[in-house]
N, C-alpha and C. Protein backbone atom coordinates (compact mmCIF):
# COMPACT_ATOMS: atom_id res chain seq x y z
N MET A 1 -24.65 -15.56 -3.20
CA MET A 1 -23.59 -14.57 -3.21
C MET A 1 -22.76 -14.66 -1.93
N GLY A 2 -21.45 -14.51 -2.08
CA GLY A 2 -20.57 -14.55 -0.91
C GLY A 2 -20.61 -13.23 -0.16
N ASP A 3 -20.19 -13.29 1.07
CA ASP A 3 -20.14 -12.08 1.88
C ASP A 3 -18.96 -11.22 1.43
N THR A 4 -19.18 -9.94 1.33
CA THR A 4 -18.11 -9.02 0.98
C THR A 4 -17.46 -8.55 2.27
N ILE A 5 -16.15 -8.72 2.34
CA ILE A 5 -15.43 -8.27 3.52
C ILE A 5 -14.80 -6.93 3.17
N ARG A 6 -15.19 -5.90 3.89
CA ARG A 6 -14.62 -4.57 3.67
C ARG A 6 -13.30 -4.47 4.41
N ARG A 7 -12.30 -3.97 3.70
CA ARG A 7 -10.99 -3.80 4.31
C ARG A 7 -10.88 -2.39 4.90
N THR A 8 -10.16 -2.29 5.99
CA THR A 8 -9.96 -0.98 6.61
C THR A 8 -8.91 -0.21 5.83
N LYS A 9 -8.86 1.10 6.06
CA LYS A 9 -7.84 1.94 5.42
C LYS A 9 -6.45 1.47 5.79
N SER A 10 -6.28 1.06 7.05
CA SER A 10 -4.97 0.58 7.50
C SER A 10 -4.58 -0.69 6.76
N THR A 11 -5.51 -1.62 6.61
CA THR A 11 -5.22 -2.88 5.93
C THR A 11 -4.84 -2.63 4.48
N ILE A 12 -5.59 -1.76 3.81
CA ILE A 12 -5.29 -1.43 2.41
C ILE A 12 -3.92 -0.75 2.32
N SER A 13 -3.64 0.15 3.24
CA SER A 13 -2.34 0.84 3.26
C SER A 13 -1.20 -0.16 3.41
N VAL A 14 -1.36 -1.12 4.32
CA VAL A 14 -0.34 -2.14 4.55
C VAL A 14 -0.13 -2.99 3.30
N GLU A 15 -1.21 -3.35 2.62
CA GLU A 15 -1.09 -4.15 1.40
C GLU A 15 -0.33 -3.39 0.32
N ILE A 16 -0.58 -2.10 0.20
CA ILE A 16 0.14 -1.28 -0.78
C ILE A 16 1.62 -1.18 -0.40
N LEU A 17 1.91 -0.96 0.87
CA LEU A 17 3.30 -0.87 1.32
C LEU A 17 4.04 -2.19 1.11
N ARG A 18 3.36 -3.31 1.34
CA ARG A 18 3.96 -4.63 1.10
C ARG A 18 4.29 -4.80 -0.37
N ALA A 19 3.35 -4.41 -1.22
CA ALA A 19 3.55 -4.55 -2.67
C ALA A 19 4.74 -3.73 -3.15
N ALA A 20 5.02 -2.62 -2.46
CA ALA A 20 6.08 -1.69 -2.90
C ALA A 20 7.39 -1.84 -2.11
N LEU A 21 7.51 -2.89 -1.30
CA LEU A 21 8.72 -3.05 -0.49
C LEU A 21 10.00 -3.04 -1.33
N GLU A 22 9.98 -3.73 -2.45
CA GLU A 22 11.16 -3.80 -3.31
C GLU A 22 11.04 -2.85 -4.50
N GLY A 23 10.03 -2.00 -4.47
CA GLY A 23 9.75 -1.09 -5.58
C GLY A 23 8.75 -1.74 -6.52
N ALA A 24 7.72 -1.01 -6.90
CA ALA A 24 6.68 -1.57 -7.76
C ALA A 24 6.05 -0.48 -8.60
N LYS A 25 5.66 -0.85 -9.82
CA LYS A 25 4.91 0.06 -10.67
C LYS A 25 3.47 0.10 -10.17
N LYS A 26 2.77 1.16 -10.52
CA LYS A 26 1.38 1.33 -10.07
C LYS A 26 0.52 0.13 -10.47
N THR A 27 0.70 -0.38 -11.68
CA THR A 27 -0.09 -1.53 -12.16
C THR A 27 0.11 -2.73 -11.24
N HIS A 28 1.34 -2.98 -10.83
CA HIS A 28 1.66 -4.09 -9.94
C HIS A 28 0.94 -3.91 -8.60
N ILE A 29 0.95 -2.69 -8.10
CA ILE A 29 0.28 -2.41 -6.82
C ILE A 29 -1.23 -2.65 -6.95
N VAL A 30 -1.81 -2.21 -8.05
CA VAL A 30 -3.25 -2.41 -8.29
C VAL A 30 -3.60 -3.90 -8.20
N TYR A 31 -2.80 -4.74 -8.87
CA TYR A 31 -3.08 -6.18 -8.86
C TYR A 31 -2.78 -6.82 -7.51
N ARG A 32 -1.64 -6.47 -6.92
CA ARG A 32 -1.26 -7.09 -5.64
C ARG A 32 -2.23 -6.73 -4.52
N ALA A 33 -2.71 -5.48 -4.50
CA ALA A 33 -3.61 -5.04 -3.43
C ALA A 33 -5.08 -5.25 -3.80
N ASN A 34 -5.33 -5.75 -5.02
CA ASN A 34 -6.69 -6.02 -5.49
C ASN A 34 -7.58 -4.77 -5.39
N LEU A 35 -7.09 -3.69 -6.00
CA LEU A 35 -7.80 -2.41 -5.98
C LEU A 35 -7.88 -1.88 -7.41
N ASN A 36 -8.63 -0.80 -7.61
CA ASN A 36 -8.63 -0.17 -8.93
C ASN A 36 -7.71 1.05 -8.91
N PHE A 37 -7.42 1.58 -10.09
CA PHE A 37 -6.47 2.70 -10.19
C PHE A 37 -6.92 3.92 -9.41
N GLU A 38 -8.22 4.21 -9.43
CA GLU A 38 -8.73 5.38 -8.72
C GLU A 38 -8.43 5.29 -7.23
N VAL A 39 -8.69 4.12 -6.65
CA VAL A 39 -8.45 3.92 -5.21
C VAL A 39 -6.95 3.94 -4.92
N VAL A 40 -6.16 3.28 -5.75
CA VAL A 40 -4.71 3.24 -5.55
C VAL A 40 -4.12 4.65 -5.62
N ASN A 41 -4.57 5.46 -6.57
CA ASN A 41 -4.08 6.84 -6.67
C ASN A 41 -4.34 7.61 -5.38
N LYS A 42 -5.53 7.45 -4.83
CA LYS A 42 -5.89 8.13 -3.58
C LYS A 42 -4.96 7.70 -2.43
N TYR A 43 -4.76 6.39 -2.32
CA TYR A 43 -3.90 5.87 -1.25
C TYR A 43 -2.44 6.24 -1.45
N LEU A 44 -1.95 6.21 -2.70
CA LEU A 44 -0.56 6.58 -2.94
C LEU A 44 -0.32 8.03 -2.54
N SER A 45 -1.26 8.91 -2.84
CA SER A 45 -1.13 10.31 -2.44
C SER A 45 -1.06 10.43 -0.92
N LEU A 46 -1.94 9.73 -0.24
CA LEU A 46 -1.97 9.76 1.22
C LEU A 46 -0.68 9.20 1.81
N LEU A 47 -0.23 8.07 1.29
CA LEU A 47 0.99 7.44 1.82
C LEU A 47 2.22 8.28 1.54
N LYS A 48 2.26 8.97 0.38
CA LYS A 48 3.38 9.87 0.07
C LYS A 48 3.36 11.06 1.04
N GLU A 49 2.17 11.59 1.27
CA GLU A 49 2.01 12.74 2.17
C GLU A 49 2.50 12.39 3.59
N LYS A 50 2.28 11.15 4.00
CA LYS A 50 2.67 10.70 5.35
C LYS A 50 4.12 10.21 5.40
N GLY A 51 4.80 10.20 4.24
CA GLY A 51 6.19 9.78 4.21
C GLY A 51 6.39 8.27 4.30
N LEU A 52 5.36 7.50 3.95
CA LEU A 52 5.44 6.04 4.05
C LEU A 52 5.85 5.39 2.73
N ILE A 53 5.71 6.15 1.64
CA ILE A 53 6.07 5.63 0.32
C ILE A 53 6.63 6.79 -0.49
N GLU A 54 7.53 6.49 -1.42
CA GLU A 54 8.06 7.54 -2.28
C GLU A 54 8.06 7.07 -3.71
N GLN A 55 8.03 8.03 -4.61
CA GLN A 55 8.00 7.71 -6.03
C GLN A 55 9.37 8.01 -6.62
N LYS A 56 9.92 6.99 -7.30
CA LYS A 56 11.20 7.14 -8.00
C LYS A 56 10.93 6.79 -9.45
N ASP A 57 10.86 7.79 -10.30
CA ASP A 57 10.45 7.63 -11.70
C ASP A 57 9.07 6.98 -11.72
N ASN A 58 8.94 5.80 -12.34
CA ASN A 58 7.62 5.17 -12.39
C ASN A 58 7.47 4.06 -11.35
N LEU A 59 8.40 4.02 -10.38
CA LEU A 59 8.32 3.02 -9.31
C LEU A 59 7.94 3.68 -7.99
N TYR A 60 7.16 2.95 -7.22
CA TYR A 60 6.82 3.37 -5.86
C TYR A 60 7.59 2.47 -4.92
N VAL A 61 8.24 3.08 -3.92
CA VAL A 61 9.08 2.33 -2.99
C VAL A 61 8.68 2.69 -1.57
N THR A 62 8.50 1.65 -0.76
CA THR A 62 8.17 1.85 0.66
C THR A 62 9.39 2.45 1.35
N THR A 63 9.18 3.53 2.10
CA THR A 63 10.27 4.18 2.83
C THR A 63 10.58 3.42 4.11
N GLU A 64 11.63 3.83 4.81
CA GLU A 64 11.97 3.21 6.10
C GLU A 64 10.81 3.38 7.08
N LYS A 65 10.22 4.55 7.10
CA LYS A 65 9.05 4.79 7.96
C LYS A 65 7.90 3.86 7.57
N GLY A 66 7.72 3.65 6.28
CA GLY A 66 6.69 2.75 5.78
C GLY A 66 6.96 1.31 6.17
N ARG A 67 8.25 0.91 6.14
CA ARG A 67 8.62 -0.45 6.56
C ARG A 67 8.30 -0.66 8.03
N GLU A 68 8.59 0.35 8.85
CA GLU A 68 8.30 0.25 10.28
C GLU A 68 6.79 0.11 10.51
N PHE A 69 6.01 0.90 9.80
CA PHE A 69 4.55 0.83 9.90
C PHE A 69 4.06 -0.56 9.51
N GLN A 70 4.61 -1.08 8.43
CA GLN A 70 4.23 -2.39 7.92
C GLN A 70 4.62 -3.50 8.90
N GLU A 71 5.80 -3.38 9.53
CA GLU A 71 6.24 -4.37 10.52
C GLU A 71 5.33 -4.37 11.75
N ILE A 72 4.93 -3.19 12.19
CA ILE A 72 4.00 -3.10 13.31
C ILE A 72 2.67 -3.75 12.95
N ALA A 73 2.21 -3.48 11.73
CA ALA A 73 0.96 -4.07 11.26
C ALA A 73 1.05 -5.60 11.22
N ASN A 74 2.21 -6.12 10.78
CA ASN A 74 2.42 -7.58 10.79
C ASN A 74 2.31 -8.12 12.21
N TYR A 75 2.97 -7.44 13.14
CA TYR A 75 2.96 -7.84 14.55
C TYR A 75 1.53 -7.86 15.08
N LEU A 76 0.71 -6.91 14.63
CA LEU A 76 -0.67 -6.82 15.09
C LEU A 76 -1.60 -7.76 14.31
N GLY A 77 -1.04 -8.46 13.34
CA GLY A 77 -1.82 -9.44 12.59
C GLY A 77 -2.66 -8.86 11.46
N MET A 78 -2.23 -7.71 10.94
CA MET A 78 -2.97 -7.09 9.83
C MET A 78 -2.50 -7.61 8.50
């Protein structure tokens, strides 16, 4: 069996924000971030609460604040 690498909350958040940079449906985010719907729902609520992502109809879009967070994470190698 291979070693399981646990991702941090920050890493998962960055992956979701990256997936939604140009706008993405929840299903797309689930596949891009390699998560299940239950986990994605939890993170989307948290990211919306923090103003990092917004929902427009059935699309999730990374906000300007979310883009800045994601750029900092890139700089830090996340």
